């Protein structure tokens, strides 16, 4: 389902996972997917993702952690723009 972008099969998987009694954590996870089924289905169906954006956010947070207690926003801004 993940590698072949078959998000339309998600409801039947959730139903099967919710019926299991041997793995309560899997059942709980499947039931929580129903809270935002449209978004999860779109994520499993569409070919684009936000990986590049998440990479930039992770890099900026790393720079911020490295500078903790050293300087203000101006130095952070320079490091982000020059990196």
Protein backbone atom coordinates (compact mmCIF):
# COMPACT_ATOMS: atom_id res chain seq x y z
CA UNK A 1 0.00 0.00 0.00
CA UNK A 2 2.85 2.41 0.82
CA UNK A 3 5.18 1.71 -2.08
CA UNK A 4 2.50 1.37 -4.76
CA UNK A 5 0.41 4.40 -3.65
CA UNK A 6 -2.73 2.37 -3.02
CA UNK A 7 -4.46 4.57 -0.45
CA UNK A 8 -7.86 3.35 -1.63
CA UNK A 9 -7.17 0.03 0.13
CA UNK A 10 -6.75 1.74 3.52
CA UNK A 11 -10.34 1.28 4.83
CA UNK A 12 -10.21 -2.50 4.39
CA UNK A 13 -6.79 -2.60 6.10
CA UNK A 14 -8.13 -0.55 9.02
CA UNK A 15 -11.07 -2.92 9.32
CA UNK A 16 -8.78 -5.96 9.37
CA UNK A 17 -6.37 -4.36 11.85
CA UNK A 18 -9.22 -3.27 14.13
CA UNK A 19 -10.51 -6.83 14.26
CA UNK A 20 -7.26 -8.26 15.59
CA UNK A 21 -7.08 -9.12 19.27
CA UNK A 22 -3.46 -10.27 19.37
CA UNK A 23 -1.94 -6.83 18.75
CA UNK A 24 -3.79 -4.19 20.78
CA UNK A 25 -1.35 -1.43 19.79
CA UNK A 26 -1.98 -2.10 16.08
CA UNK A 27 -5.73 -2.06 16.69
CA UNK A 28 -5.42 1.25 18.56
CA UNK A 29 -3.30 2.75 15.74
CA UNK A 30 -5.79 1.66 13.10
CA UNK A 31 -8.69 3.17 15.01
CA UNK A 32 -6.83 6.49 15.33
CA UNK A 33 -6.30 6.60 11.56
CA UNK A 34 -10.06 6.96 11.20
CA UNK A 35 -9.91 10.38 12.88
CA UNK A 36 -8.42 11.93 9.74
CA UNK A 37 -9.06 9.31 7.11
CA UNK A 38 -9.11 11.76 4.18
CA UNK A 39 -5.64 13.12 4.97
CA UNK A 40 -4.13 9.68 5.53
CA UNK A 41 -5.67 8.38 2.30
CA UNK A 42 -4.30 11.38 0.39
CA UNK A 43 -0.86 10.78 1.88
CA UNK A 44 -0.93 7.17 0.73
CA UNK A 45 -2.29 8.03 -2.72
CA UNK A 46 -0.51 11.17 -3.93
CA UNK A 47 3.05 11.01 -5.20
CA UNK A 48 4.38 14.23 -3.65
CA UNK A 49 5.60 14.68 -0.07
CA UNK A 50 7.05 17.33 2.23
CA UNK A 51 10.41 15.67 2.78
CA UNK A 52 12.46 18.59 1.44
CA UNK A 53 10.66 21.08 3.66
CA UNK A 54 11.10 18.84 6.70
CA UNK A 55 14.82 18.62 5.92
CA UNK A 56 15.16 22.40 5.96
CA UNK A 57 13.18 22.68 9.20
CA UNK A 58 15.42 20.03 10.79
CA UNK A 59 18.56 21.91 9.66
CA UNK A 60 17.31 25.22 11.07
CA UNK A 61 16.40 23.60 14.40
CA UNK A 62 19.86 22.03 14.57
CA UNK A 63 21.49 25.42 14.02
CA UNK A 64 19.27 26.93 16.71
CA UNK A 65 20.21 24.19 19.20
CA UNK A 66 23.93 24.67 18.45
CA UNK A 67 23.64 28.38 19.23
CA UNK A 68 21.49 28.06 22.35
CA UNK A 69 22.36 30.83 24.79
CA UNK A 70 25.01 32.40 22.55
CA UNK A 71 23.32 35.07 20.49
CA UNK A 72 20.06 36.44 19.23
CA UNK A 73 17.99 36.23 16.13
CA UNK A 74 20.45 38.18 13.94
CA UNK A 75 23.20 35.56 14.24
CA UNK A 76 20.70 32.76 13.64
CA UNK A 77 19.45 34.60 10.56
CA UNK A 78 23.00 34.96 9.19
CA UNK A 79 23.83 31.30 9.81
CA UNK A 80 20.62 30.14 8.11
CA UNK A 81 21.10 32.37 5.08
CA UNK A 82 24.81 31.68 4.67
CA UNK A 83 24.68 27.94 5.28
